[in-house]
Amino acid sequence: MPGETVQPNPRGPAAVPTHGTLMVDTSRDDRLGEFRGVAGPYWSLRPVRGGAGWEAEPAAVRRATRKERLHAEIERWNARSRGEVL
C-alpha cells in the first residue's frame, strides 16, 4: 500500500504484540507468521497456514502491512475451502 513502510525498525518493535498478531520476520526473507509468544530473548512465530513455528529476534520482526494481512487472510480462507486443517 502506498505510504506503508516495509523496512524493519532498527530498534525493533516498541512493545510485545498481542497473541495472533501477524508479523513479518525480515531475517527470513520477509516470512509472515502469527505471533505466539515470547521464548527467552526471542519471539515465537507460526506460519499462517499452520506448520512448524520458529523463533525470531524481535529487532528483525515488524508488523505486517495491511496488504500482507489481507493476503494472509485470503490464503487462510482458501485453505479452509479446500478442507485443509489449519
PDB file of N, CA and C in Angstrom:
ATOM      1  N   MET A   1       0.844  -1.178   0.000  1.00  0.00           N
ATOM      2  CA  MET A   1       0.000   0.000   0.000  1.00  0.00           C
ATOM      3  C   MET A   1       0.884   1.234   0.000  1.00  0.00           C
ATOM      4  N   PRO A   2       0.477   2.257  -0.683  1.00  0.00           N
ATOM      5  CA  PRO A   2       1.268   3.483  -0.674  1.00  0.00           C
ATOM      6  C   PRO A   2       1.395   4.036   0.737  1.00  0.00           C
ATOM      7  N   GLY A   3       2.573   4.483   1.044  1.00  0.00           N
ATOM      8  CA  GLY A   3       2.811   5.089   2.347  1.00  0.00           C
ATOM      9  C   GLY A   3       3.142   4.108   3.448  1.00  0.00           C
ATOM     10  N   GLU A   4       3.011   2.796   3.190  1.00  0.00           N
ATOM     11  CA  GLU A   4       3.338   1.809   4.209  1.00  0.00           C
ATOM     12  C   GLU A   4       4.781   1.372   4.026  1.00  0.00           C
ATOM     13  N   THR A   5       5.517   1.396   5.085  1.00  0.00           N
ATOM     14  CA  THR A   5       6.919   1.013   5.013  1.00  0.00           C
ATOM     15  C   THR A   5       7.054  -0.490   5.207  1.00  0.00           C
ATOM     16  N   VAL A   6       8.005  -1.070   4.533  1.00  0.00           N
ATOM     17  CA  VAL A   6       8.290  -2.492   4.713  1.00  0.00           C
ATOM     18  C   VAL A   6       9.696  -2.688   5.247  1.00  0.00           C
ATOM     19  N   GLN A   7      10.332  -1.603   5.650  1.00  0.00           N
ATOM     20  CA  GLN A   7      11.671  -1.677   6.224  1.00  0.00           C
ATOM     21  C   GLN A   7      11.574  -2.014   7.702  1.00  0.00           C
ATOM     22  N   PRO A   8      12.449  -2.888   8.202  1.00  0.00           N
ATOM     23  CA  PRO A   8      12.423  -3.187   9.634  1.00  0.00           C
ATOM     24  C   PRO A   8      12.849  -1.971  10.444  1.00  0.00           C
ATOM     25  N   ASN A   9      12.290  -1.860  11.612  1.00  0.00           N
ATOM     26  CA  ASN A   9      12.686  -0.797  12.525  1.00  0.00           C
ATOM     27  C   ASN A   9      14.022  -1.209  13.125  1.00  0.00           C
ATOM     28  N   PRO A  10      15.081  -0.411  12.988  1.00  0.00           N
ATOM     29  CA  PRO A  10      16.387  -0.826  13.509  1.00  0.00           C
ATOM     30  C   PRO A  10      16.394  -1.042  15.015  1.00  0.00           C
ATOM     31  N   ARG A  11      15.450  -0.446  15.724  1.00  0.00           N
ATOM     32  CA  ARG A  11      15.363  -0.650  17.174  1.00  0.00           C
ATOM     33  C   ARG A  11      14.398  -1.763  17.518  1.00  0.00           C
ATOM     34  N   GLY A  12      13.709  -2.319  16.524  1.00  0.00           N
ATOM     35  CA  GLY A  12      12.729  -3.364  16.765  1.00  0.00           C
ATOM     36  C   GLY A  12      11.399  -2.760  17.165  1.00  0.00           C
ATOM     37  N   PRO A  13      10.358  -3.570  17.234  1.00  0.00           N
ATOM     38  CA  PRO A  13       9.051  -3.083  17.633  1.00  0.00           C
ATOM     39  C   PRO A  13       9.076  -2.489  19.035  1.00  0.00           C
ATOM     40  N   ALA A  14       8.207  -1.522  19.279  1.00  0.00           N
ATOM     41  CA  ALA A  14       8.202  -0.812  20.560  1.00  0.00           C
ATOM     42  C   ALA A  14       7.740  -1.698  21.707  1.00  0.00           C
ATOM     43  N   ALA A  15       6.821  -2.596  21.455  1.00  0.00           N
ATOM     44  CA  ALA A  15       6.266  -3.423  22.527  1.00  0.00           C
ATOM     45  C   ALA A  15       5.971  -4.822  22.003  1.00  0.00           C
ATOM     46  N   VAL A  16       5.805  -5.756  22.913  1.00  0.00           N
ATOM     47  CA  VAL A  16       5.457  -7.118  22.540  1.00  0.00           C
ATOM     48  C   VAL A  16       4.038  -7.104  21.977  1.00  0.00           C
ATOM     49  N   PRO A  17       3.834  -7.664  20.782  1.00  0.00           N
ATOM     50  CA  PRO A  17       2.499  -7.674  20.181  1.00  0.00           C
ATOM     51  C   PRO A  17       1.569  -8.640  20.899  1.00  0.00           C
ATOM     52  N   THR A  18       0.291  -8.509  20.641  1.00  0.00           N
ATOM     53  CA  THR A  18      -0.682  -9.426  21.225  1.00  0.00           C
ATOM     54  C   THR A  18      -0.646 -10.754  20.474  1.00  0.00           C
ATOM     55  N   HIS A  19      -1.071 -11.796  21.141  1.00  0.00           N
ATOM     56  CA  HIS A  19      -1.112 -13.138  20.579  1.00  0.00           C
ATOM     57  C   HIS A  19      -1.957 -13.126  19.304  1.00  0.00           C
ATOM     58  N   GLY A  20      -1.429 -13.699  18.218  1.00  0.00           N
ATOM     59  CA  GLY A  20      -2.155 -13.785  16.954  1.00  0.00           C
ATOM     60  C   GLY A  20      -1.882 -12.646  15.990  1.00  0.00           C
ATOM     61  N   THR A  21      -1.131 -11.628  16.419  1.00  0.00           N
ATOM     62  CA  THR A  21      -0.801 -10.517  15.530  1.00  0.00           C
ATOM     63  C   THR A  21       0.069 -11.018  14.385  1.00  0.00           C
ATOM     64  N   LEU A  22      -0.243 -10.606  13.169  1.00  0.00           N
ATOM     65  CA  LEU A  22       0.556 -11.014  12.019  1.00  0.00           C
ATOM     66  C   LEU A  22       1.825 -10.177  11.959  1.00  0.00           C
ATOM     67  N   MET A  23       2.949 -10.883  11.893  1.00  0.00           N
ATOM     68  CA  MET A  23       4.261 -10.253  11.907  1.00  0.00           C
ATOM     69  C   MET A  23       5.076 -10.762  10.727  1.00  0.00           C
ATOM     70  N   VAL A  24       6.090  -9.998  10.339  1.00  0.00           N
ATOM     71  CA  VAL A  24       6.985 -10.370   9.252  1.00  0.00           C
ATOM     72  C   VAL A  24       8.393 -10.472   9.812  1.00  0.00           C
ATOM     73  N   ASP A  25       9.027 -11.621   9.587  1.00  0.00           N
ATOM     74  CA  ASP A  25      10.408 -11.852  10.021  1.00  0.00           C
ATOM     75  C   ASP A  25      11.325 -11.444   8.873  1.00  0.00           C
ATOM     76  N   THR A  26      11.948 -10.286   8.997  1.00  0.00           N
ATOM     77  CA  THR A  26      12.795  -9.761   7.928  1.00  0.00           C
ATOM     78  C   THR A  26      14.108 -10.524   7.793  1.00  0.00           C
ATOM     79  N   SER A  27      14.469 -11.307   8.800  1.00  0.00           N
ATOM     80  CA  SER A  27      15.706 -12.092   8.717  1.00  0.00           C
ATOM     81  C   SER A  27      15.496 -13.400   7.950  1.00  0.00           C
ATOM     82  N   ARG A  28      14.246 -13.700   7.601  1.00  0.00           N
ATOM     83  CA  ARG A  28      13.919 -14.930   6.859  1.00  0.00           C
ATOM     84  C   ARG A  28      13.137 -14.595   5.586  1.00  0.00           C
ATOM     85  N   ASP A  29      13.673 -13.696   4.801  1.00  0.00           N
ATOM     86  CA  ASP A  29      13.060 -13.320   3.521  1.00  0.00           C
ATOM     87  C   ASP A  29      11.617 -12.858   3.678  1.00  0.00           C
ATOM     88  N   ASP A  30      11.364 -12.049   4.687  1.00  0.00           N
ATOM     89  CA  ASP A  30      10.034 -11.482   4.946  1.00  0.00           C
ATOM     90  C   ASP A  30       8.965 -12.559   5.126  1.00  0.00           C
ATOM     91  N   ARG A  31       9.310 -13.572   5.876  1.00  0.00           N
ATOM     92  CA  ARG A  31       8.373 -14.661   6.159  1.00  0.00           C
ATOM     93  C   ARG A  31       7.290 -14.168   7.113  1.00  0.00           C
ATOM     94  N   LEU A  32       6.035 -14.430   6.763  1.00  0.00           N
ATOM     95  CA  LEU A  32       4.886 -13.980   7.541  1.00  0.00           C
ATOM     96  C   LEU A  32       4.490 -15.047   8.553  1.00  0.00           C
ATOM     97  N   GLY A  33       4.170 -14.620   9.763  1.00  0.00           N
ATOM     98  CA  GLY A  33       3.729 -15.560  10.780  1.00  0.00           C
ATOM     99  C   GLY A  33       2.897 -14.877  11.849  1.00  0.00           C
ATOM    100  N   GLU A  34       2.167 -15.679  12.596  1.00  0.00           N
ATOM    101  CA  GLU A  34       1.375 -15.181  13.723  1.00  0.00           C
ATOM    102  C   GLU A  34       2.247 -15.162  14.963  1.00  0.00           C
ATOM    103  N   PHE A  35       2.173 -14.092  15.706  1.00  0.00           N
ATOM    104  CA  PHE A  35       2.914 -14.011  16.966  1.00  0.00           C
ATOM    105  C   PHE A  35       2.274 -14.975  17.953  1.00  0.00           C
ATOM    106  N   ARG A  36       3.100 -15.832  18.573  1.00  0.00           N
ATOM    107  CA  ARG A  36       2.598 -16.833  19.515  1.00  0.00           C
ATOM    108  C   ARG A  36       3.045 -16.574  20.940  1.00  0.00           C
ATOM    109  N   GLY A  37       4.108 -15.823  21.124  1.00  0.00           N
ATOM    110  CA  GLY A  37       4.569 -15.555  22.476  1.00  0.00           C
ATOM    111  C   GLY A  37       6.058 -15.273  22.521  1.00  0.00           C
ATOM    112  N   VAL A  38       6.541 -15.108  23.738  1.00  0.00           N
ATOM    113  CA  VAL A  38       7.955 -14.815  23.969  1.00  0.00           C
ATOM    114  C   VAL A  38       8.626 -16.090  24.472  1.00  0.00           C
ATOM    115  N   ALA A  39       9.782 -16.404  23.892  1.00  0.00           N
ATOM    116  CA  ALA A  39      10.558 -17.572  24.304  1.00  0.00           C
ATOM    117  C   ALA A  39      11.976 -17.100  24.612  1.00  0.00           C
ATOM    118  N   GLY A  40      12.206 -16.736  25.863  1.00  0.00           N
ATOM    119  CA  GLY A  40      13.510 -16.186  26.231  1.00  0.00           C
ATOM    120  C   GLY A  40      13.704 -14.852  25.539  1.00  0.00           C
ATOM    121  N   PRO A  41      14.832 -14.681  24.843  1.00  0.00           N
ATOM    122  CA  PRO A  41      15.065 -13.408  24.152  1.00  0.00           C
ATOM    123  C   PRO A  41      14.404 -13.344  22.769  1.00  0.00           C
ATOM    124  N   TYR A  42      13.725 -14.409  22.371  1.00  0.00           N
ATOM    125  CA  TYR A  42      13.142 -14.493  21.029  1.00  0.00           C
ATOM    126  C   TYR A  42      11.621 -14.413  21.069  1.00  0.00           C
ATOM    127  N   TRP A  43      11.048 -14.136  19.897  1.00  0.00           N
ATOM    128  CA  TRP A  43       9.602 -14.175  19.736  1.00  0.00           C
ATOM    129  C   TRP A  43       9.258 -15.418  18.933  1.00  0.00           C
ATOM    130  N   SER A  44       8.231 -16.120  19.344  1.00  0.00           N
ATOM    131  CA  SER A  44       7.782 -17.308  18.629  1.00  0.00           C
ATOM    132  C   SER A  44       6.740 -16.906  17.593  1.00  0.00           C
ATOM    133  N   LEU A  45       6.955 -17.373  16.367  1.00  0.00           N
ATOM    134  CA  LEU A  45       6.032 -17.117  15.271  1.00  0.00           C
ATOM    135  C   LEU A  45       5.600 -18.446  14.675  1.00  0.00           C
ATOM    136  N   ARG A  46       4.410 -18.459  14.087  1.00  0.00           N
ATOM    137  CA  ARG A  46       3.866 -19.673  13.487  1.00  0.00           C
ATOM    138  C   ARG A  46       3.318 -19.319  12.112  1.00  0.00           C
ATOM    139  N   PRO A  47       3.545 -20.149  11.096  1.00  0.00           N
ATOM    140  CA  PRO A  47       3.007 -19.863   9.773  1.00  0.00           C
ATOM    141  C   PRO A  47       1.481 -19.717   9.815  1.00  0.00           C
ATOM    142  N   VAL A  48       0.955 -18.846   9.006  1.00  0.00           N
ATOM    143  CA  VAL A  48      -0.483 -18.574   8.982  1.00  0.00           C
ATOM    144  C   VAL A  48      -1.275 -19.813   8.594  1.00  0.00           C
ATOM    145  N   ARG A  49      -0.762 -20.607   7.678  1.00  0.00           N
ATOM    146  CA  ARG A  49      -1.485 -21.801   7.221  1.00  0.00           C
ATOM    147  C   ARG A  49      -1.151 -23.031   8.057  1.00  0.00           C
ATOM    148  N   GLY A  50      -0.495 -22.848   9.181  1.00  0.00           N
ATOM    149  CA  GLY A  50      -0.148 -23.967  10.043  1.00  0.00           C
ATOM    150  C   GLY A  50       1.264 -24.452   9.753  1.00  0.00           C
ATOM    151  N   GLY A  51       1.693 -25.405  10.530  1.00  0.00           N
ATOM    152  CA  GLY A  51       3.038 -25.940  10.358  1.00  0.00           C
ATOM    153  C   GLY A  51       3.924 -25.578  11.536  1.00  0.00           C
ATOM    154  N   ALA A  52       5.170 -25.938  11.388  1.00  0.00           N
ATOM    155  CA  ALA A  52       6.134 -25.716  12.465  1.00  0.00           C
ATOM    156  C   ALA A  52       6.452 -24.239  12.619  1.00  0.00           C
ATOM    157  N   GLY A  53       6.455 -23.793  13.844  1.00  0.00           N
ATOM    158  CA  GLY A  53       6.794 -22.415  14.138  1.00  0.00           C
ATOM    159  C   GLY A  53       8.290 -22.212  14.189  1.00  0.00           C
ATOM    160  N   TRP A  54       8.690 -20.978  14.421  1.00  0.00           N
ATOM    161  CA  TRP A  54      10.105 -20.650  14.532  1.00  0.00           C
ATOM    162  C   TRP A  54      10.279 -19.497  15.503  1.00  0.00           C
ATOM    163  N   GLU A  55      11.505 -19.277  15.889  1.00  0.00           N
ATOM    164  CA  GLU A  55      11.818 -18.178  16.794  1.00  0.00           C
ATOM    165  C   GLU A  55      12.597 -17.123  16.028  1.00  0.00           C
ATOM    166  N   ALA A  56      12.306 -15.861  16.336  1.00  0.00           N
ATOM    167  CA  ALA A  56      12.953 -14.748  15.648  1.00  0.00           C
ATOM    168  C   ALA A  56      13.412 -13.714  16.661  1.00  0.00           C
ATOM    169  N   GLU A  57      14.453 -12.997  16.296  1.00  0.00           N
ATOM    170  CA  GLU A  57      14.914 -11.898  17.137  1.00  0.00           C
ATOM    171  C   GLU A  57      13.933 -10.739  16.983  1.00  0.00           C
ATOM    172  N   PRO A  58      13.465 -10.162  18.074  1.00  0.00           N
ATOM    173  CA  PRO A  58      12.487  -9.071  17.995  1.00  0.00           C
ATOM    174  C   PRO A  58      12.921  -7.902  17.109  1.00  0.00           C
ATOM    175  N   ALA A  59      14.203  -7.597  17.062  1.00  0.00           N
ATOM    176  CA  ALA A  59      14.670  -6.484  16.236  1.00  0.00           C
ATOM    177  C   ALA A  59      14.507  -6.750  14.745  1.00  0.00           C
ATOM    178  N   ALA A  60      14.357  -8.024  14.358  1.00  0.00           N
ATOM    179  CA  ALA A  60      14.214  -8.390  12.952  1.00  0.00           C
ATOM    180  C   ALA A  60      12.757  -8.604  12.557  1.00  0.00           C
ATOM    181  N   VAL A  61      11.832  -8.296  13.464  1.00  0.00           N
ATOM    182  CA  VAL A  61      10.414  -8.541  13.215  1.00  0.00           C
ATOM    183  C   VAL A  61       9.680  -7.215  13.141  1.00  0.00           C
ATOM    184  N   ARG A  62       8.755  -7.136  12.191  1.00  0.00           N
ATOM    185  CA  ARG A  62       7.905  -5.956  12.062  1.00  0.00           C
ATOM    186  C   ARG A  62       6.463  -6.400  11.889  1.00  0.00           C
ATOM    187  N   ARG A  63       5.549  -5.501  12.160  1.00  0.00           N
ATOM    188  CA  ARG A  63       4.132  -5.795  11.943  1.00  0.00           C
ATOM    189  C   ARG A  63       3.860  -5.895  10.453  1.00  0.00           C
ATOM    190  N   ALA A  64       2.967  -6.792  10.083  1.00  0.00           N
ATOM    191  CA  ALA A  64       2.584  -6.950   8.688  1.00  0.00           C
ATOM    192  C   ALA A  64       1.800  -5.724   8.223  1.00  0.00           C
ATOM    193  N   THR A  65       2.003  -5.365   6.974  1.00  0.00           N
ATOM    194  CA  THR A  65       1.241  -4.263   6.392  1.00  0.00           C
ATOM    195  C   THR A  65      -0.197  -4.723   6.146  1.00  0.00           C
ATOM    196  N   ARG A  66      -1.051  -3.784   5.848  1.00  0.00           N
ATOM    197  CA  ARG A  66      -2.449  -4.123   5.569  1.00  0.00           C
ATOM    198  C   ARG A  66      -2.548  -5.074   4.378  1.00  0.00           C
ATOM    199  N   LYS A  67      -1.750  -4.834   3.359  1.00  0.00           N
ATOM    200  CA  LYS A  67      -1.745  -5.700   2.176  1.00  0.00           C
ATOM    201  C   LYS A  67      -1.309  -7.126   2.547  1.00  0.00           C
ATOM    202  N   GLU A  68      -0.279  -7.251   3.374  1.00  0.00           N
ATOM    203  CA  GLU A  68       0.204  -8.572   3.795  1.00  0.00           C
ATOM    204  C   GLU A  68      -0.838  -9.287   4.645  1.00  0.00           C
ATOM    205  N   ARG A  69      -1.525  -8.556   5.521  1.00  0.00           N
ATOM    206  CA  ARG A  69      -2.572  -9.168   6.350  1.00  0.00           C
ATOM    207  C   ARG A  69      -3.719  -9.676   5.485  1.00  0.00           C
ATOM    208  N   LEU A  70      -4.138  -8.887   4.493  1.00  0.00           N
ATOM    209  CA  LEU A  70      -5.224  -9.291   3.602  1.00  0.00           C
ATOM    210  C   LEU A  70      -4.830 -10.537   2.820  1.00  0.00           C
ATOM    211  N   HIS A  71      -3.616 -10.566   2.304  1.00  0.00           N
ATOM    212  CA  HIS A  71      -3.135 -11.730   1.554  1.00  0.00           C
ATOM    213  C   HIS A  71      -3.158 -12.981   2.438  1.00  0.00           C
ATOM    214  N   ALA A  72      -2.725 -12.847   3.675  1.00  0.00           N
ATOM    215  CA  ALA A  72      -2.711 -13.986   4.598  1.00  0.00           C
ATOM    216  C   ALA A  72      -4.131 -14.482   4.885  1.00  0.00           C
ATOM    217  N   GLU A  73      -5.067 -13.565   5.057  1.00  0.00           N
ATOM    218  CA  GLU A  73      -6.456 -13.963   5.310  1.00  0.00           C
ATOM    219  C   GLU A  73      -7.042 -14.698   4.105  1.00  0.00           C
ATOM    220  N   ILE A  74      -6.752 -14.233   2.910  1.00  0.00           N
ATOM    221  CA  ILE A  74      -7.245 -14.906   1.700  1.00  0.00           C
ATOM    222  C   ILE A  74      -6.659 -16.308   1.608  1.00  0.00           C
ATOM    223  N   GLU A  75      -5.371 -16.455   1.901  1.00  0.00           N
ATOM    224  CA  GLU A  75      -4.754 -17.785   1.903  1.00  0.00           C
ATOM    225  C   GLU A  75      -5.441 -18.707   2.900  1.00  0.00           C
ATOM    226  N   ARG A  76      -5.743 -18.178   4.080  1.00  0.00           N
ATOM    227  CA  ARG A  76      -6.402 -18.950   5.128  1.00  0.00           C
ATOM    228  C   ARG A  76      -7.799 -19.382   4.673  1.00  0.00           C
ATOM    229  N   TRP A  77      -8.562 -18.465   4.094  1.00  0.00           N
ATOM    230  CA  TRP A  77      -9.917 -18.790   3.620  1.00  0.00           C
ATOM    231  C   TRP A  77      -9.873 -19.838   2.511  1.00  0.00           C
ATOM    232  N   ASN A  78      -8.935 -19.691   1.587  1.00  0.00           N
ATOM    233  CA  ASN A  78      -8.814 -20.666   0.504  1.00  0.00           C
ATOM    234  C   ASN A  78      -8.454 -22.049   1.038  1.00  0.00           C
ATOM    235  N   ALA A  79      -7.559 -22.112   2.002  1.00  0.00           N
ATOM    236  CA  ALA A  79      -7.183 -23.401   2.591  1.00  0.00           C
ATOM    237  C   ALA A  79      -8.392 -24.054   3.264  1.00  0.00           C
ATOM    238  N   ARG A  80      -9.182 -23.266   3.981  1.00  0.00           N
ATOM    239  CA  ARG A  80     -10.369 -23.821   4.638  1.00  0.00           C
ATOM    240  C   ARG A  80     -11.379 -24.302   3.615  1.00  0.00           C
ATOM    241  N   SER A  81     -11.521 -23.595   2.492  1.00  0.00           N
ATOM    242  CA  SER A  81     -12.489 -24.003   1.472  1.00  0.00           C
ATOM    243  C   SER A  81     -12.084 -25.320   0.821  1.00  0.00           C
ATOM    244  N   ARG A  82     -10.782 -25.614   0.838  1.00  0.00           N
ATOM    245  CA  ARG A  82     -10.290 -26.892   0.303  1.00  0.00           C
ATOM    246  C   ARG A  82     -10.335 -28.000   1.348  1.00  0.00           C
ATOM    247  N   GLY A  83     -10.737 -27.664   2.552  1.00  0.00           N
ATOM    248  CA  GLY A  83     -10.821 -28.657   3.620  1.00  0.00           C
ATOM    249  C   GLY A  83      -9.521 -28.922   4.337  1.00  0.00           C
ATOM    250  N   GLU A  84      -8.543 -28.062   4.149  1.00  0.00           N
ATOM    251  CA  GLU A  84      -7.262 -28.227   4.829  1.00  0.00           C
ATOM    252  C   GLU A  84      -7.413 -27.823   6.285  1.00  0.00           C
ATOM    253  N   VAL A  85      -6.797 -28.572   7.157  1.00  0.00           N
ATOM    254  CA  VAL A  85      -6.837 -28.280   8.588  1.00  0.00           C
ATOM    255  C   VAL A  85      -5.711 -27.306   8.900  1.00  0.00           C
ATOM    256  N   LEU A  86      -6.050 -26.225   9.571  1.00  0.00           N
ATOM    257  CA  LEU A  86      -5.047 -25.225   9.919  1.00  0.00           C
ATOM    258  C   LEU A  86      -4.706 -25.295  11.381  1.00  0.00           C
TER     259      LEU A  86
END
